[in-house]
Amino acid sequence: MDRFLAHIWDELSNRERTHVREECEKAIRILRSLSIHVPDAGKHNVLYQREIRTVTMLDFETAIECPQSEDVPYIELLSLFGDHTSGG
């Protein structure tokens, strides 16, 4: 069953958190390669199905075009996970 990441983040193991971060980073990298920025990125806009380890980003209605050379290419990751060195 898909569940919002915001509701289950604290229940996830470090391994699951790492997997979710990596999948979100892959998705954001693809979006950025298409010059797309999602300003409303956050755990409230990510579904995670633990049984099959599927990560799905949602809510692209706020997506905007951005230059590929944007200084902070993965600002969405900061919105999702905060300081990546703190463990989320």
N, C-alpha and C. Protein backbone atom coordinates (compact mmCIF):
# COMPACT_ATOMS: atom_id res chain seq x y z
N MET A 1 0.84 -1.17 0.00
CA MET A 1 0.00 0.00 0.00
C MET A 1 0.89 1.24 0.00
N ASP A 2 0.61 2.17 -0.92
CA ASP A 2 1.33 3.44 -0.96
C ASP A 2 0.94 4.29 0.24
N ARG A 3 1.94 4.91 0.86
CA ARG A 3 1.69 5.82 1.98
C ARG A 3 2.53 7.07 1.78
N PHE A 4 1.99 8.20 2.24
CA PHE A 4 2.74 9.44 2.14
C PHE A 4 4.00 9.34 3.00
N LEU A 5 5.10 9.73 2.42
CA LEU A 5 6.38 9.66 3.11
C LEU A 5 6.35 10.45 4.41
N ALA A 6 5.64 11.55 4.43
CA ALA A 6 5.56 12.37 5.65
C ALA A 6 4.97 11.58 6.82
N HIS A 7 4.10 10.62 6.53
CA HIS A 7 3.44 9.85 7.59
C HIS A 7 4.28 8.69 8.11
N ILE A 8 5.25 8.24 7.31
CA ILE A 8 5.99 7.03 7.70
C ILE A 8 7.50 7.24 7.85
N TRP A 9 7.99 8.43 7.56
CA TRP A 9 9.43 8.67 7.56
C TRP A 9 10.11 8.19 8.85
N ASP A 10 9.53 8.51 9.98
CA ASP A 10 10.14 8.15 11.26
C ASP A 10 10.16 6.64 11.51
N GLU A 11 9.35 5.89 10.78
CA GLU A 11 9.29 4.43 10.93
C GLU A 11 10.31 3.71 10.05
N LEU A 12 10.88 4.40 9.08
CA LEU A 12 11.76 3.77 8.11
C LEU A 12 13.14 3.50 8.70
N SER A 13 13.73 2.40 8.26
CA SER A 13 15.10 2.09 8.65
C SER A 13 16.05 3.02 7.89
N ASN A 14 17.29 3.08 8.32
CA ASN A 14 18.29 3.88 7.60
C ASN A 14 18.44 3.41 6.16
N ARG A 15 18.36 2.11 5.96
CA ARG A 15 18.47 1.56 4.60
C ARG A 15 17.31 2.04 3.72
N GLU A 16 16.09 2.03 4.28
CA GLU A 16 14.93 2.50 3.53
C GLU A 16 15.04 4.00 3.25
N ARG A 17 15.48 4.77 4.22
CA ARG A 17 15.64 6.21 4.03
C ARG A 17 16.65 6.50 2.92
N THR A 18 17.74 5.77 2.93
CA THR A 18 18.75 5.94 1.89
C THR A 18 18.17 5.62 0.53
N HIS A 19 17.42 4.54 0.43
CA HIS A 19 16.79 4.16 -0.83
C HIS A 19 15.85 5.26 -1.32
N VAL A 20 15.01 5.78 -0.43
CA VAL A 20 14.06 6.83 -0.80
C VAL A 20 14.81 8.07 -1.28
N ARG A 21 15.84 8.48 -0.55
CA ARG A 21 16.64 9.65 -0.95
C ARG A 21 17.24 9.45 -2.34
N GLU A 22 17.81 8.26 -2.57
CA GLU A 22 18.44 7.98 -3.86
C GLU A 22 17.42 8.02 -5.00
N GLU A 23 16.24 7.45 -4.76
CA GLU A 23 15.21 7.46 -5.80
C GLU A 23 14.70 8.88 -6.06
N CYS A 24 14.54 9.66 -5.02
CA CYS A 24 14.11 11.06 -5.20
C CYS A 24 15.18 11.84 -5.94
N GLU A 25 16.43 11.60 -5.61
CA GLU A 25 17.52 12.29 -6.30
C GLU A 25 17.54 11.93 -7.78
N LYS A 26 17.32 10.66 -8.11
CA LYS A 26 17.25 10.25 -9.52
C LYS A 26 16.14 10.99 -10.24
N ALA A 27 14.96 11.04 -9.61
CA ALA A 27 13.82 11.71 -10.23
C ALA A 27 14.10 13.19 -10.43
N ILE A 28 14.68 13.82 -9.43
CA ILE A 28 14.99 15.25 -9.53
C ILE A 28 16.05 15.51 -10.60
N ARG A 29 17.02 14.62 -10.70
CA ARG A 29 18.04 14.75 -11.74
C ARG A 29 17.40 14.69 -13.13
N ILE A 30 16.44 13.79 -13.30
CA ILE A 30 15.74 13.69 -14.59
C ILE A 30 14.93 14.95 -14.85
N LEU A 31 14.20 15.41 -13.84
CA LEU A 31 13.43 16.65 -14.00
C LEU A 31 14.34 17.82 -14.36
N ARG A 32 15.47 17.92 -13.68
CA ARG A 32 16.39 19.02 -13.94
C ARG A 32 16.95 18.93 -15.36
N SER A 33 17.19 17.72 -15.86
CA SER A 33 17.70 17.57 -17.22
C SER A 33 16.68 18.06 -18.24
N LEU A 34 15.42 18.12 -17.82
CA LEU A 34 14.34 18.65 -18.66
C LEU A 34 14.05 20.11 -18.33
N SER A 35 14.92 20.72 -17.53
CA SER A 35 14.79 22.12 -17.08
C SER A 35 13.52 22.35 -16.27
N ILE A 36 13.18 21.39 -15.42
CA ILE A 36 11.99 21.49 -14.57
C ILE A 36 12.41 21.54 -13.11
N HIS A 37 11.81 22.49 -12.39
CA HIS A 37 12.02 22.64 -10.94
C HIS A 37 10.67 22.48 -10.26
N VAL A 38 10.62 21.73 -9.16
CA VAL A 38 9.38 21.52 -8.41
C VAL A 38 9.52 22.24 -7.07
N PRO A 39 8.95 23.46 -6.96
CA PRO A 39 9.12 24.23 -5.73
C PRO A 39 8.37 23.68 -4.53
N ASP A 40 7.39 22.81 -4.75
CA ASP A 40 6.60 22.27 -3.64
C ASP A 40 7.03 20.84 -3.29
N ALA A 41 8.32 20.56 -3.46
CA ALA A 41 8.81 19.23 -3.08
C ALA A 41 8.77 19.12 -1.56
N GLY A 42 8.43 17.97 -1.10
CA GLY A 42 8.38 17.71 0.33
C GLY A 42 7.87 16.30 0.56
N LYS A 43 8.06 15.81 1.77
CA LYS A 43 7.61 14.45 2.08
C LYS A 43 6.11 14.29 1.90
N HIS A 44 5.37 15.39 1.98
CA HIS A 44 3.92 15.34 1.79
C HIS A 44 3.56 15.09 0.32
N ASN A 45 4.52 15.19 -0.58
CA ASN A 45 4.29 14.96 -2.00
C ASN A 45 5.07 13.76 -2.54
N VAL A 46 5.37 12.82 -1.66
CA VAL A 46 6.06 11.60 -2.07
C VAL A 46 5.32 10.40 -1.48
N LEU A 47 5.03 9.42 -2.33
CA LEU A 47 4.45 8.16 -1.86
C LEU A 47 5.55 7.11 -1.81
N TYR A 48 5.45 6.23 -0.82
CA TYR A 48 6.41 5.14 -0.71
C TYR A 48 5.66 3.86 -0.41
N GLN A 49 5.93 2.83 -1.22
CA GLN A 49 5.35 1.51 -0.98
C GLN A 49 6.47 0.61 -0.49
N ARG A 50 6.47 0.36 0.80
CA ARG A 50 7.57 -0.37 1.44
C ARG A 50 7.74 -1.78 0.90
N GLU A 51 6.65 -2.47 0.62
CA GLU A 51 6.72 -3.87 0.20
C GLU A 51 7.52 -4.05 -1.08
N ILE A 52 7.39 -3.12 -2.00
CA ILE A 52 8.10 -3.25 -3.28
C ILE A 52 9.09 -2.10 -3.50
N ARG A 53 9.27 -1.26 -2.48
CA ARG A 53 10.26 -0.18 -2.48
C ARG A 53 10.06 0.82 -3.61
N THR A 54 8.81 1.13 -3.90
CA THR A 54 8.49 2.08 -4.95
C THR A 54 8.35 3.48 -4.38
N VAL A 55 9.03 4.43 -4.99
CA VAL A 55 8.98 5.83 -4.59
C VAL A 55 8.32 6.61 -5.72
N THR A 56 7.30 7.40 -5.40
CA THR A 56 6.58 8.17 -6.40
C THR A 56 6.45 9.62 -5.95
N MET A 57 6.99 10.52 -6.77
CA MET A 57 6.82 11.95 -6.48
C MET A 57 5.50 12.41 -7.08
N LEU A 58 4.81 13.30 -6.34
CA LEU A 58 3.49 13.78 -6.74
C LEU A 58 3.47 15.30 -6.86
N ASP A 59 2.34 15.81 -7.33
CA ASP A 59 2.00 17.23 -7.29
C ASP A 59 2.94 18.08 -8.12
N PHE A 60 2.84 17.94 -9.42
CA PHE A 60 3.68 18.72 -10.32
C PHE A 60 2.98 19.98 -10.82
N GLU A 61 1.84 20.32 -10.22
CA GLU A 61 1.11 21.51 -10.68
C GLU A 61 1.89 22.79 -10.44
N THR A 62 2.85 22.78 -9.51
CA THR A 62 3.65 23.97 -9.25
C THR A 62 4.98 23.94 -9.99
N ALA A 63 5.22 22.91 -10.79
CA ALA A 63 6.49 22.79 -11.51
C ALA A 63 6.69 23.99 -12.43
N ILE A 64 7.94 24.44 -12.48
CA ILE A 64 8.28 25.58 -13.33
C ILE A 64 9.53 25.28 -14.13
N GLU A 65 9.69 26.02 -15.22
CA GLU A 65 10.88 25.88 -16.04
C GLU A 65 12.04 26.58 -15.34
N CYS A 66 13.20 25.98 -15.41
CA CYS A 66 14.39 26.60 -14.81
C CYS A 66 15.58 26.35 -15.72
N PRO A 67 16.57 27.22 -15.64
CA PRO A 67 17.78 26.98 -16.45
C PRO A 67 18.55 25.77 -15.92
N GLN A 68 19.14 25.01 -16.81
CA GLN A 68 19.89 23.83 -16.39
C GLN A 68 21.12 24.19 -15.57
N SER A 69 21.55 25.43 -15.66
CA SER A 69 22.74 25.84 -14.92
C SER A 69 22.40 26.47 -13.57
N GLU A 70 21.20 26.23 -13.09
CA GLU A 70 20.78 26.80 -11.81
C GLU A 70 21.80 26.49 -10.72
N ASP A 71 22.12 27.49 -9.89
CA ASP A 71 23.17 27.34 -8.87
C ASP A 71 22.90 26.23 -7.87
N VAL A 72 21.66 26.06 -7.45
CA VAL A 72 21.32 25.02 -6.48
C VAL A 72 20.48 23.97 -7.21
N PRO A 73 21.14 23.03 -7.89
CA PRO A 73 20.41 22.12 -8.77
C PRO A 73 19.48 21.15 -8.05
N TYR A 74 19.70 20.92 -6.77
CA TYR A 74 18.86 19.95 -6.08
C TYR A 74 18.21 20.55 -4.85
N ILE A 75 17.69 21.76 -5.00
CA ILE A 75 17.02 22.41 -3.87
C ILE A 75 15.82 21.59 -3.39
N GLU A 76 15.23 20.80 -4.29
CA GLU A 76 14.13 19.93 -3.88
C GLU A 76 14.57 18.94 -2.79
N LEU A 77 15.80 18.46 -2.88
CA LEU A 77 16.30 17.53 -1.86
C LEU A 77 16.36 18.20 -0.49
N LEU A 78 16.71 19.48 -0.47
CA LEU A 78 16.70 20.21 0.80
C LEU A 78 15.28 20.32 1.34
N SER A 79 14.32 20.55 0.45
CA SER A 79 12.92 20.62 0.88
C SER A 79 12.43 19.28 1.41
N LEU A 80 12.87 18.21 0.77
CA LEU A 80 12.45 16.88 1.18
C LEU A 80 13.12 16.40 2.46
N PHE A 81 14.43 16.59 2.54
CA PHE A 81 15.19 15.93 3.60
C PHE A 81 15.99 16.87 4.49
N GLY A 82 15.96 18.17 4.21
CA GLY A 82 16.74 19.10 5.02
C GLY A 82 18.21 18.89 4.78
N ASP A 83 19.00 19.12 5.79
CA ASP A 83 20.44 18.93 5.72
C ASP A 83 20.73 17.45 5.56
N HIS A 84 21.21 17.06 4.39
CA HIS A 84 21.42 15.63 4.10
C HIS A 84 22.42 14.98 5.05
N THR A 85 23.22 15.77 5.73
CA THR A 85 24.20 15.18 6.64
C THR A 85 23.60 14.86 8.00
N SER A 86 22.38 15.37 8.26
CA SER A 86 21.78 15.16 9.58
C SER A 86 20.96 13.89 9.67
N GLY A 87 20.76 13.21 8.54
CA GLY A 87 19.97 11.99 8.56
C GLY A 87 18.49 12.24 8.37
N GLY A 88 18.10 13.48 8.01
CA GLY A 88 16.73 13.76 7.63
C GLY A 88 15.94 14.37 8.68
